[in-house]
Protein backbone atom coordinates (compact mmCIF):
# COMPACT_ATOMS: atom_id res chain seq x y z
CA MET A 1 1.50 -21.93 -56.96
CA THR A 2 -1.43 -19.73 -57.62
CA THR A 3 -3.41 -17.88 -55.03
CA PRO A 4 -5.42 -20.41 -52.90
CA ASP A 5 -9.31 -20.58 -53.54
CA PRO A 6 -11.53 -18.26 -51.22
CA PHE A 7 -12.64 -21.03 -48.89
CA THR A 8 -9.10 -22.14 -48.14
CA ILE A 9 -8.12 -18.55 -47.52
CA GLU A 10 -11.04 -18.12 -45.07
CA VAL A 11 -10.08 -21.30 -43.09
CA ILE A 12 -6.73 -20.06 -42.79
CA ARG A 13 -7.80 -16.49 -41.67
CA HIS A 14 -10.09 -17.97 -39.04
CA GLY A 15 -7.34 -20.49 -37.96
CA LEU A 16 -4.79 -17.77 -37.40
CA THR A 17 -7.28 -15.43 -35.61
CA GLN A 18 -8.23 -18.55 -33.43
CA ALA A 19 -4.62 -19.15 -32.62
CA ALA A 20 -4.12 -15.44 -31.49
CA GLU A 21 -7.29 -15.49 -29.31
CA GLU A 22 -6.24 -18.58 -27.66
CA MET A 23 -2.88 -17.05 -26.69
CA SER A 24 -4.79 -14.22 -24.69
CA LEU A 25 -7.00 -16.99 -22.98
CA THR A 26 -3.83 -18.97 -22.03
CA VAL A 27 -2.15 -15.85 -20.24
CA MET A 28 -5.40 -15.03 -18.41
CA ARG A 29 -5.73 -18.81 -17.34
CA ALA A 30 -2.08 -19.27 -16.50
CA ALA A 31 -0.89 -15.87 -15.21
CA ARG A 32 -0.35 -15.29 -11.33
CA SER A 33 -1.06 -11.52 -11.18
CA PRO A 34 -4.58 -10.35 -11.03
CA LEU A 35 -3.74 -7.66 -13.53
CA LEU A 36 -3.46 -10.35 -16.35
CA ARG A 37 -5.80 -12.97 -14.97
CA GLU A 38 -8.68 -10.78 -13.86
CA ALA A 39 -8.28 -7.48 -15.77
CA GLY A 40 -6.89 -8.82 -18.82
CA ASP A 41 -4.13 -6.10 -19.54
CA LEU A 42 -2.64 -8.02 -22.31
CA SER A 43 -2.84 -8.64 -26.05
CA SER A 44 -1.74 -11.39 -28.63
CA ALA A 45 -0.79 -11.25 -32.22
CA ILE A 46 0.64 -13.41 -35.16
CA THR A 47 2.94 -11.88 -37.70
CA ASP A 48 4.17 -13.13 -41.05
CA ALA A 49 7.85 -13.75 -41.64
CA ASP A 50 8.48 -10.02 -42.30
CA GLY A 51 6.90 -9.01 -38.96
CA LEU A 52 3.64 -7.82 -40.61
CA LEU A 53 0.62 -8.31 -38.44
CA ILE A 54 -1.76 -11.10 -39.82
CA ALA A 55 -3.92 -11.99 -36.84
CA GLN A 56 -4.74 -10.54 -33.35
CA GLY A 57 -6.65 -11.22 -30.36
CA ARG A 58 -9.93 -9.45 -29.27
CA ASP A 59 -7.75 -7.17 -27.09
CA ILE A 60 -6.52 -3.66 -26.59
CA PRO A 61 -6.25 -1.43 -29.65
CA MET A 62 -3.18 0.72 -28.41
CA HIS A 63 -1.34 -2.62 -27.91
CA MET A 64 -2.23 -4.04 -31.23
CA GLY A 65 -1.23 -0.85 -33.15
CA VAL A 66 2.17 -1.07 -31.32
CA MET A 67 2.53 -4.69 -32.17
CA SER A 68 2.24 -4.08 -35.76
CA PHE A 69 5.72 -2.85 -35.45
CA THR A 70 7.29 -4.96 -32.79
CA VAL A 71 8.62 -7.79 -34.64
CA GLN A 72 9.70 -5.64 -37.55
CA GLU A 73 11.79 -3.55 -35.14
CA PHE A 74 13.02 -6.66 -33.39
CA LEU A 75 14.50 -8.11 -36.72
CA LYS A 76 16.40 -5.03 -37.08
CA HIS A 77 18.22 -5.87 -34.09
CA VAL A 78 18.16 -9.58 -34.06
CA PRO A 79 18.51 -10.90 -37.81
CA ALA A 80 16.32 -14.07 -38.45
CA ASP A 81 19.52 -16.14 -39.04
CA ARG A 82 20.15 -15.62 -35.22
CA LEU A 83 17.06 -17.34 -34.24
CA ALA A 84 16.34 -21.11 -33.60
CA PRO A 85 13.47 -23.30 -32.88
CA GLY A 86 12.23 -22.93 -29.29
CA ASP A 87 13.71 -19.51 -28.79
CA VAL A 88 11.55 -17.07 -26.83
CA TRP A 89 12.89 -13.42 -26.75
CA PHE A 90 11.56 -10.68 -24.47
CA LEU A 91 11.81 -6.75 -24.89
CA ASN A 92 10.28 -3.66 -23.45
CA LEU A 93 12.37 -0.80 -24.94
CA PRO A 94 9.80 1.75 -26.10
CA GLU A 95 12.21 2.62 -28.98
CA ILE A 96 12.12 -0.93 -30.45
CA GLY A 97 8.37 -1.17 -31.43
CA GLY A 98 7.26 -0.43 -28.00
CA ASN A 99 5.11 1.83 -25.76
CA HIS A 100 6.16 1.77 -22.06
CA LEU A 101 8.29 -0.39 -19.99
CA PRO A 102 5.59 -2.33 -18.08
CA ASP A 103 4.11 -3.65 -21.45
CA VAL A 104 6.66 -6.71 -21.96
CA LYS A 105 6.52 -8.23 -25.41
CA THR A 106 7.35 -11.94 -25.85
CA ILE A 107 8.53 -13.09 -29.39
CA ARG A 108 8.67 -16.70 -30.50
CA PRO A 109 9.46 -17.73 -34.22
CA VAL A 110 7.54 -20.35 -35.98
CA PHE A 111 10.03 -22.53 -37.99
CA HIS A 112 9.49 -24.43 -41.27
CA ASP A 113 12.33 -26.14 -43.11
CA GLY A 114 15.06 -24.25 -41.20
CA ARG A 115 13.71 -20.67 -41.42
CA PRO A 116 11.01 -18.45 -39.56
CA VAL A 117 7.74 -18.39 -41.50
CA ALA A 118 5.69 -16.54 -38.79
CA TYR A 119 6.07 -15.15 -35.21
CA ALA A 120 3.79 -15.37 -32.19
CA VAL A 121 3.81 -12.17 -29.95
CA SER A 122 2.40 -11.90 -26.42
CA LEU A 123 2.34 -8.62 -24.69
CA ALA A 124 1.50 -8.48 -21.01
CA HIS A 125 1.64 -5.54 -18.63
CA TRP A 126 3.77 -6.64 -15.62
CA ALA A 127 2.29 -5.32 -12.37
CA ASP A 128 5.99 -4.16 -11.45
CA ILE A 129 8.97 -3.48 -13.72
CA GLY A 130 11.23 -2.17 -10.98
CA GLY A 131 11.94 1.71 -10.78
CA ALA A 132 11.62 4.21 -8.21
CA VAL A 133 8.06 3.65 -7.04
CA PRO A 134 6.21 0.41 -6.55
CA GLY A 135 4.15 -0.51 -9.63
CA SER A 136 6.68 1.41 -11.62
CA TYR A 137 4.65 4.55 -12.43
CA VAL A 138 6.61 7.42 -11.28
CA PRO A 139 4.86 10.66 -11.55
CA HIS A 140 7.86 12.63 -10.70
CA ALA A 141 10.21 10.92 -13.16
CA THR A 142 12.42 13.10 -15.19
CA ASP A 143 14.19 10.35 -17.07
CA ALA A 144 13.56 6.98 -18.68
CA TRP A 145 15.74 4.90 -15.91
CA GLN A 146 13.64 5.97 -13.10
CA GLU A 147 10.73 4.12 -14.57
CA GLY A 148 12.20 0.50 -14.30
CA VAL A 149 14.27 -2.09 -16.05
CA ARG A 150 14.85 -1.59 -19.71
CA MET A 151 15.13 -4.70 -21.60
CA PRO A 152 16.66 -4.80 -25.13
CA PRO A 153 15.68 -7.95 -27.01
CA PHE A 154 17.29 -11.01 -24.99
CA ARG A 155 16.61 -14.72 -25.38
CA LEU A 156 15.12 -15.89 -22.06
CA PHE A 157 14.01 -19.45 -23.26
CA HIS A 158 15.76 -21.93 -25.32
CA ALA A 159 14.38 -25.12 -26.81
CA ASP A 160 15.27 -26.93 -23.56
CA GLY A 161 13.68 -24.28 -21.12
CA PRO A 162 14.45 -20.99 -19.59
CA ASP A 163 17.78 -19.60 -19.40
CA ARG A 164 17.93 -19.53 -15.42
CA GLU A 165 20.84 -17.15 -15.21
CA LYS A 166 19.04 -14.48 -17.17
CA LEU A 167 15.67 -15.08 -15.46
CA ASP A 168 17.31 -14.82 -12.04
CA MET A 169 19.07 -11.47 -12.96
CA LEU A 170 15.71 -10.09 -14.23
CA LEU A 171 13.63 -11.26 -11.14
CA ALA A 172 16.18 -9.64 -8.67
CA ASN A 173 15.35 -6.37 -9.99
CA LEU A 174 11.53 -6.67 -9.80
CA ARG A 175 9.24 -6.38 -6.88
CA GLY A 176 7.13 -9.50 -6.33
CA PRO A 177 9.41 -11.81 -8.24
CA ALA A 178 7.24 -14.97 -7.66
CA GLU A 179 4.40 -13.30 -9.33
CA ARG A 180 6.45 -11.95 -12.32
CA GLU A 181 7.83 -15.44 -12.87
CA GLY A 182 4.45 -16.84 -13.21
CA ASP A 183 3.56 -14.30 -15.64
CA ILE A 184 6.53 -14.80 -17.63
CA LEU A 185 5.95 -18.52 -17.96
CA ALA A 186 2.28 -17.80 -18.78
CA GLN A 187 3.53 -15.72 -21.80
CA ALA A 188 6.02 -18.16 -22.91
CA ALA A 189 3.23 -20.94 -22.80
CA ALA A 190 0.84 -18.81 -24.89
CA CYS A 191 3.48 -18.44 -27.69
CA ARG A 192 4.25 -22.19 -27.62
CA GLY A 193 0.46 -22.79 -28.17
CA ALA A 194 0.49 -20.55 -31.14
CA VAL A 195 3.48 -22.26 -32.52
CA GLU A 196 1.62 -25.66 -32.29
CA ARG A 197 -1.42 -24.14 -33.94
CA ILE A 198 0.47 -22.87 -37.11
CA ASP A 199 2.50 -26.00 -37.31
CA ALA A 200 -0.81 -27.98 -37.53
CA MET A 201 -2.06 -25.47 -40.18
CA ILE A 202 1.21 -26.02 -42.15
CA ALA A 203 0.75 -29.79 -41.94
CA ARG A 204 -2.67 -29.46 -43.20
CA HIS A 205 -2.31 -26.94 -45.97
CA GLY A 206 1.37 -26.63 -46.74
CA ALA A 207 3.76 -23.85 -46.02
CA GLU A 208 3.45 -22.31 -49.55
CA THR A 209 -0.31 -22.25 -49.42
CA LEU A 210 -0.17 -20.55 -45.93
CA ARG A 211 2.07 -17.88 -47.31
CA LEU A 212 0.02 -17.24 -50.38
CA ALA A 213 -3.22 -16.94 -48.35
CA ILE A 214 -1.51 -14.53 -45.79
CA ALA A 215 -0.45 -12.38 -48.92
CA ALA A 216 -4.02 -12.53 -50.27
CA LEU A 217 -5.35 -11.49 -46.92
CA HIS A 218 -2.87 -8.39 -46.88
CA ASP A 219 -3.96 -7.52 -50.48
CA ARG A 220 -7.57 -7.79 -49.63
CA SER A 221 -7.44 -5.55 -46.57
CA ALA A 222 -5.45 -3.04 -48.45
CA ARG A 223 -8.05 -2.83 -51.24
CA GLN A 224 -10.84 -2.71 -48.79
CA MET A 225 -9.34 0.03 -46.82
CA GLU A 226 -8.65 2.10 -50.04
CA GLU A 227 -12.27 1.93 -51.11
CA ALA A 228 -13.47 2.77 -47.61
CA LEU A 229 -11.23 5.87 -47.48
CA ALA A 230 -12.29 6.88 -50.91
CA CYS A 231 -15.87 7.13 -49.67
CA LEU A 232 -14.97 9.59 -46.82
CA PRO A 233 -14.96 13.37 -47.40
CA GLN A 234 -11.83 14.14 -49.27
CA GLY A 235 -9.52 16.96 -48.30
CA THR A 236 -7.42 18.10 -45.10
CA PHE A 237 -8.93 18.30 -41.82
CA HIS A 238 -7.43 19.56 -38.48
CA GLY A 239 -7.92 18.55 -35.06
CA GLU A 240 -6.47 18.88 -31.63
CA ASP A 241 -6.92 17.82 -28.03
CA PHE A 242 -5.04 18.52 -24.76
CA LEU A 243 -3.54 16.88 -21.83
CA ASP A 244 -4.38 18.29 -18.64
CA ASP A 245 -0.82 19.34 -18.07
CA ASP A 246 2.83 18.35 -18.95
CA GLY A 247 2.95 15.57 -16.21
CA HIS A 248 4.65 17.83 -13.59
CA GLY A 249 1.59 20.23 -13.03
CA GLY A 250 2.50 22.59 -15.91
CA PRO A 251 0.02 23.97 -18.49
CA PRO A 252 -2.19 21.82 -20.83
CA THR A 253 -0.14 20.07 -23.59
CA ALA A 254 -1.72 19.72 -27.18
CA VAL A 255 -1.85 17.01 -29.55
CA ARG A 256 -2.37 18.30 -33.04
CA VAL A 257 -2.98 16.66 -36.16
CA ALA A 258 -3.87 17.32 -39.83
CA VAL A 259 -5.57 14.37 -41.67
CA THR A 260 -5.51 14.17 -45.55
CA LEU A 261 -7.76 11.96 -47.36
CA SER A 262 -7.07 11.76 -51.17
CA ASN A 263 -7.28 8.92 -53.67
CA GLY A 264 -7.90 6.18 -51.20
CA ARG A 265 -5.02 7.11 -48.77
CA ALA A 266 -5.00 8.86 -45.45
CA ARG A 267 -2.03 10.78 -43.98
CA PHE A 268 -1.94 11.74 -40.23
CA ASP A 269 0.52 14.66 -39.89
CA PHE A 270 1.33 15.12 -36.11
CA THR A 271 4.04 17.70 -36.59
CA GLY A 272 2.08 20.61 -35.03
CA THR A 273 2.03 18.70 -31.66
CA ASP A 274 3.70 20.37 -28.70
CA ASP A 275 7.30 19.49 -27.74
CA ALA A 276 8.12 16.57 -25.37
CA VAL A 277 7.30 17.31 -21.79
CA PRO A 278 9.52 16.78 -18.62
CA GLY A 279 6.75 14.32 -17.14
CA PRO A 280 5.90 10.81 -17.98
CA LEU A 281 3.37 11.63 -20.66
CA ASN A 282 5.65 11.31 -23.71
CA THR A 283 5.02 8.54 -25.97
CA THR A 284 6.46 6.85 -29.06
CA ARG A 285 5.82 7.29 -32.78
CA PHE A 286 4.43 3.62 -32.55
CA ILE A 287 1.71 4.81 -30.28
CA ALA A 288 1.00 7.78 -32.69
CA ALA A 289 0.58 5.14 -35.29
CA ALA A 290 -1.49 2.93 -33.15
CA GLY A 291 -3.86 5.86 -32.61
CA ALA A 292 -4.12 6.57 -36.35
CA TYR A 293 -4.74 2.89 -37.26
CA TYR A 294 -7.57 2.71 -34.63
CA ALA A 295 -9.19 5.94 -35.80
CA ALA A 296 -9.04 5.14 -39.44
CA LYS A 297 -10.36 1.64 -38.95
CA ALA A 298 -13.20 2.91 -36.69
CA LEU A 299 -14.34 5.53 -39.15
CA ALA A 300 -13.85 3.95 -42.50
CA GLY A 301 -13.66 0.10 -42.10
CA PRO A 302 -14.53 -1.42 -38.79
CA ASP A 303 -15.11 -4.66 -40.45
CA ILE A 304 -11.96 -5.07 -42.38
CA GLN A 305 -9.46 -7.71 -41.25
CA PRO A 306 -6.69 -5.85 -39.38
CA ASN A 307 -3.35 -6.79 -40.76
CA GLY A 308 -0.23 -5.35 -42.42
CA GLY A 309 -2.37 -4.72 -45.69
CA LEU A 310 -4.86 -2.52 -44.07
CA TYR A 311 -2.07 -0.32 -42.92
CA ARG A 312 -0.53 0.12 -46.37
CA GLN A 313 -3.05 2.86 -47.15
CA LEU A 314 -2.18 5.12 -44.16
CA ASP A 315 0.88 7.48 -43.57
CA ILE A 316 1.91 8.66 -40.17
CA ILE A 317 4.36 11.63 -39.70
CA THR A 318 5.64 12.64 -36.47
CA ARG A 319 8.17 15.41 -35.41
CA PRO A 320 11.26 14.20 -33.51
CA GLY A 321 11.50 16.14 -30.18
CA SER A 322 7.89 16.28 -29.92
CA LEU A 323 5.43 14.67 -27.44
CA LEU A 324 4.82 11.85 -29.85
CA ASP A 325 8.41 11.23 -30.94
CA PRO A 326 10.61 12.22 -27.90
CA PRO A 327 14.38 11.61 -27.09
CA PRO A 328 14.62 8.03 -25.64
CA ASP A 329 15.88 9.13 -22.35
CA LEU A 330 12.57 10.80 -21.49
CA PRO A 331 9.94 9.00 -19.16
CA VAL A 332 6.78 7.60 -21.06
CA VAL A 333 4.72 5.38 -18.77
CA GLY A 334 1.69 7.45 -18.88
CA GLY A 335 1.82 8.37 -22.39
CA ASN A 336 0.98 4.88 -23.40
CA HIS A 337 -2.73 5.38 -22.35
CA GLU A 338 -3.24 8.89 -21.58
CA THR A 339 -1.53 10.56 -24.54
CA ALA A 340 -2.46 7.53 -26.75
CA GLN A 341 -6.23 8.63 -26.14
CA ARG A 342 -5.51 12.32 -26.95
CA ILE A 343 -4.28 11.13 -30.21
CA ALA A 344 -7.54 9.35 -31.00
CA ASP A 345 -9.76 12.23 -29.81
CA ALA A 346 -7.60 14.85 -31.82
CA ILE A 347 -8.27 12.61 -34.82
CA PHE A 348 -12.02 12.15 -34.17
CA LEU A 349 -12.35 15.99 -33.66
CA ALA A 350 -10.73 16.61 -36.85
CA PHE A 351 -13.77 15.32 -38.45
CA ARG A 352 -16.48 16.99 -36.05
CA ASP A 353 -17.79 19.12 -38.86
CA VAL A 354 -17.99 16.71 -41.76
CA LEU A 355 -18.81 13.23 -40.07
CA PRO A 356 -20.51 14.13 -36.93
CA GLU A 357 -23.06 11.33 -37.29
CA ARG A 358 -20.15 8.77 -37.12
CA LEU A 359 -18.64 10.24 -34.01
CA THR A 360 -19.32 10.08 -30.32
CA ALA A 361 -18.77 12.99 -27.89
CA GLY A 362 -15.95 12.94 -25.56
CA GLY A 363 -15.88 10.10 -22.99
CA PRO A 364 -13.59 8.49 -20.53
CA THR A 365 -10.48 8.60 -22.71
CA THR A 366 -8.16 8.05 -19.80
CA SER A 367 -7.08 5.04 -17.84
CA GLY A 368 -8.28 6.41 -14.69
CA LEU A 369 -5.58 4.64 -13.00
CA LEU A 370 -5.07 4.21 -9.19
CA LEU A 371 -2.39 2.05 -8.47
CA PHE A 372 -1.90 0.71 -4.74
CA ALA A 373 0.99 -1.32 -3.61
CA GLY A 374 2.10 -2.68 -0.19
CA ARG A 375 3.21 -5.70 1.57
CA ASP A 376 0.99 -8.62 2.65
CA SER A 377 1.31 -10.64 5.89
CA ARG A 378 4.14 -12.59 4.59
CA ASP A 379 6.13 -9.43 3.70
CA ARG A 380 5.61 -9.98 -0.18
CA TRP A 381 4.95 -7.06 -2.49
CA THR A 382 1.30 -6.76 -3.84
CA THR A 383 0.33 -4.59 -6.50
CA LEU A 384 -3.35 -3.47 -7.57
CA TYR A 385 -3.30 -1.73 -11.06
CA GLU A 386 -6.85 -0.64 -11.24
CA VAL A 387 -8.41 1.29 -14.10
CA HIS A 388 -11.75 3.03 -13.94
CA GLY A 389 -14.26 3.65 -16.75
CA GLY A 390 -16.50 6.68 -17.22
CA GLY A 391 -19.50 7.84 -19.13
CA GLU A 392 -19.45 7.19 -22.86
CA GLY A 393 -20.31 10.30 -25.00
CA GLY A 394 -23.53 10.67 -26.66
CA GLN A 395 -24.06 9.76 -30.34
CA ALA A 396 -26.25 10.83 -33.13
CA ASP A 397 -28.72 8.20 -32.50
CA ARG A 398 -28.67 7.23 -28.57
CA ASP A 399 -27.44 8.38 -25.29
CA GLY A 400 -23.92 7.38 -23.93
CA MET A 401 -23.48 4.30 -21.79
CA PRO A 402 -22.54 4.45 -18.26
CA VAL A 403 -19.14 3.34 -16.98
CA VAL A 404 -17.42 1.82 -19.81
CA ARG A 405 -14.00 1.89 -21.58
CA VAL A 406 -13.67 3.37 -25.02
CA HIS A 407 -11.44 3.81 -27.97
CA MET A 408 -7.73 2.68 -27.24
CA ALA A 409 -8.44 0.78 -24.00
CA ASN A 410 -10.04 -2.44 -23.20
CA VAL A 411 -9.06 -3.64 -19.78
CA MET A 412 -11.55 -4.91 -17.34
CA ASN A 413 -12.11 -4.10 -13.72
CA THR A 414 -10.83 -6.39 -10.84
CA PRO A 415 -13.71 -7.93 -8.98
CA VAL A 416 -14.29 -6.57 -5.42
CA GLU A 417 -13.95 -10.03 -3.98
CA VAL A 418 -10.32 -10.20 -5.41
CA ILE A 419 -9.29 -6.88 -4.36
CA GLU A 420 -10.55 -7.45 -0.62
CA GLN A 421 -8.82 -10.94 -0.63
CA ASP A 422 -5.59 -10.04 -2.10
CA TYR A 423 -4.82 -6.39 -1.03
CA PRO A 424 -5.06 -4.36 2.13
CA LEU A 425 -8.08 -2.53 0.89
CA ALA A 426 -11.83 -2.83 1.24
CA VAL A 427 -14.37 -1.29 -1.38
CA GLU A 428 -17.05 0.68 0.68
CA ARG A 429 -18.96 2.12 -2.26
CA HIS A 430 -19.45 1.34 -6.00
CA ALA A 431 -22.21 3.46 -7.61
CA LEU A 432 -23.09 5.49 -10.60
CA ARG A 433 -22.19 9.18 -10.48
CA ARG A 434 -25.53 10.76 -11.15
CA GLY A 435 -25.72 13.76 -13.10
CA SER A 436 -22.23 13.47 -14.42
CA GLY A 437 -23.23 13.00 -18.15
CA GLY A 438 -23.18 16.14 -20.33
CA ALA A 439 -26.59 17.60 -21.51
CA GLY A 440 -27.52 17.18 -25.18
CA ARG A 441 -30.10 15.76 -27.78
CA HIS A 442 -28.36 12.64 -26.45
CA LYS A 443 -26.97 12.98 -23.04
CA GLY A 444 -23.39 11.75 -22.03
CA GLY A 445 -23.19 8.45 -19.95
CA GLU A 446 -22.69 8.61 -16.32
CA GLY A 447 -19.28 7.93 -14.61
CA LEU A 448 -18.45 5.89 -11.53
CA ILE A 449 -18.13 6.54 -7.72
CA ARG A 450 -15.71 4.08 -5.90
CA THR A 451 -14.54 4.39 -2.42
CA TYR A 452 -11.46 2.53 -1.16
CA ARG A 453 -10.65 2.14 2.61
CA CYS A 454 -7.05 1.19 3.36
CA THR A 455 -6.82 -1.67 5.88
CA GLY A 456 -3.14 -1.77 5.99
CA ASP A 457 -0.15 0.49 6.86
CA ASN A 458 2.09 2.32 4.54
CA VAL A 459 0.30 1.49 1.35
CA SER A 460 1.55 3.27 -1.75
CA LEU A 461 -0.97 5.01 -4.01
CA THR A 462 0.15 6.42 -7.43
CA THR A 463 -2.57 8.18 -9.62
CA MET A 464 -2.22 8.59 -13.43
CA PHE A 465 -5.42 9.89 -15.08
CA GLU A 466 -6.68 12.76 -17.44
CA ARG A 467 -9.92 14.53 -18.01
CA ARG A 468 -9.51 16.30 -14.54
CA ILE A 469 -8.90 19.71 -16.03
CA VAL A 470 -10.00 19.43 -19.59
CA PRO A 471 -13.34 17.56 -19.31
CA PRO A 472 -14.90 15.20 -22.07
CA TYR A 473 -16.05 17.48 -24.86
CA GLY A 474 -19.57 17.82 -26.14
CA LEU A 475 -20.21 17.31 -29.89
CA ALA A 476 -22.64 19.12 -32.28
CA GLY A 477 -23.70 21.55 -29.56
CA GLY A 478 -23.71 19.13 -26.71
CA GLN A 479 -22.40 20.01 -23.27
CA PRO A 480 -19.07 18.68 -21.74
CA GLY A 481 -19.27 15.75 -19.08
CA ALA A 482 -18.26 16.23 -15.48
CA PRO A 483 -14.48 16.05 -15.18
CA PHE A 484 -12.49 13.35 -13.16
CA ARG A 485 -11.91 13.66 -9.42
CA VAL A 486 -10.01 11.55 -6.71
CA THR A 487 -10.44 12.73 -3.12
CA LEU A 488 -8.25 11.57 -0.23
CA GLU A 489 -9.95 11.65 3.35
CA ARG A 490 -7.29 10.90 5.90
CA ALA A 491 -8.29 8.93 9.10
CA ASP A 492 -7.76 12.00 11.11
CA GLY A 493 -10.40 13.85 9.02
CA GLU A 494 -7.94 15.89 6.71
CA THR A 495 -9.27 15.92 3.19
CA LEU A 496 -7.65 16.71 -0.16
CA GLU A 497 -8.13 16.59 -3.73
CA LEU A 498 -5.45 14.52 -5.54
CA SER A 499 -3.90 15.65 -8.86
CA GLY A 500 -4.07 13.44 -11.81
CA LYS A 501 -0.36 12.35 -11.50
CA THR A 502 0.88 12.12 -7.92
CA HIS A 503 2.15 9.54 -5.22
CA VAL A 504 1.22 9.39 -1.71
CA THR A 505 1.43 6.94 1.17
CA LEU A 506 -1.80 5.71 2.73
CA GLN A 507 -2.38 4.58 6.26
CA ARG A 508 -4.89 2.21 7.88
CA GLY A 509 -8.31 3.94 7.78
CA ASP A 510 -7.54 6.56 5.05
CA ARG A 511 -10.21 6.56 2.37
CA VAL A 512 -9.92 7.42 -1.41
CA THR A 513 -12.92 8.20 -3.51
CA LEU A 514 -12.75 8.22 -7.13
CA GLU A 515 -15.44 10.02 -9.28
CA SER A 516 -14.83 9.16 -13.00
CA CYS A 517 -15.73 11.59 -15.76
CA GLY A 518 -19.20 11.66 -17.35
CA GLY A 519 -19.43 11.69 -21.20
CA GLY A 520 -20.16 14.63 -23.27
CA GLY A 521 -23.48 15.27 -24.94
CA TRP A 522 -24.25 15.02 -28.56
CA GLY A 523 -26.48 17.80 -30.03
CA GLU A 524 -27.94 20.92 -28.71
CA PRO A 525 -29.98 20.20 -25.46
CA GLY A 526 -33.72 20.28 -26.16
CA ASN A 527 -33.14 20.29 -29.94
CA THR A 528 -35.22 17.48 -31.07
CA THR A 529 -36.86 16.79 -34.33
CA THR A 530 -39.87 19.12 -34.83
CA SER A 531 -43.22 18.06 -36.35
CA LYS A 532 -44.46 19.74 -39.43
CA GLU A 533 -48.09 19.74 -38.03
CA PRO A 534 -48.86 21.89 -34.90
CA THR A 535 -49.60 19.82 -31.70
CA PRO A 536 -53.52 19.66 -31.16
């Protein structure tokens, strides 16, 4: 057969994208944990038979970059001939197309004529995956096993339903098993819905037409990315950004990149990045690629359909033993969203002198995570995983926006009404952090002030955030934004500032106040366009 006509290709492209977006909506509607149903810490994707991304939801960039590898790596361990219709496989190992243990991937093959022709992939952040600390963020972790249950690919559902023995074994090792089971069923339902949508597309267009349309979409994205990269300044550009510390209170740790643009290709060389660290800020080479994919698309081709073809033009190089390619026994939970953001910022900073008009100054490139966990009145575990936005950096043509998430993140906040109903917490203040944006021709956006009062006893609090020591940077002469800050005021009057990676126990009446970072300014303050004529 020849390539389908352009109209058919567009119908198929939109149909695949609709199926992926519907998966995310299904998880949010069916999940039990507020982290999924309210905050939307999840992503959805569809791949072709080879595991190459062909469609994605409007979800979280760091997830989508990683999911470009998940099925490819999965098939190296579970060949396609081991799969059967109705299978749903689960995995979370960072070294198998992953990022960190709480982000669990669900894979279901789509069969036609006895062989897989596509795969539906649901990623959801489980509010607890076991480990040494409730919520599975362990600031003091020194190895991967302290962070929770490690799941190589295993089949949890067959055509006739869940494998109860495996499910019970898994749930016995997680806090909040009823909530986790609800989230598992939501992911499985999302994948089933995608299979039904793709089956309908095959019935309408035929499997061969679908295959050829997908190939044409890959080729088109590759061609568009090649053309877009050729329009950028050519050469090698260097950038670096720093984590506040090594995860255990050590010195700042660098992410360094050399970006080479040549002949419609981009190479991202991270070999100059610092060595792996003892704390949970290491991350995987898949996250390194996710950061490069995001930055390349944002700079060169924001309107290009994201798929495997787009990524043909990009080469990513990491150094084994480094922060971005660590040994598999090191902890990685915070690297997923803290180091991932340093990767994106390092790439953007590489272009600060040649493409400043396309860049924003530094912003809240951190999760700003406060993770509260405790037991409710019925002695069940409850876990609030709450991220906090900050001020966006200024741009060449406007000020930064207040209190947003930028770059690799896209998680929503949990409504105060839900927090106060489901958790032993009261939100006493929620306001803009006035004056926190950096000065500039276009100033940085303002951060957030939020105060939580503990209404229960023995509540666990884990922090995991950056930009406390290294503030959001200014660009083109702009000033940096105010750094992140979290303060604990005990009920007895004792006050202390919390570090970015710590774990404490709260008691009734304790207050935690978060002040998120402001955005950096763009351009020198007061440097505005000067009129050629004197002012009368």
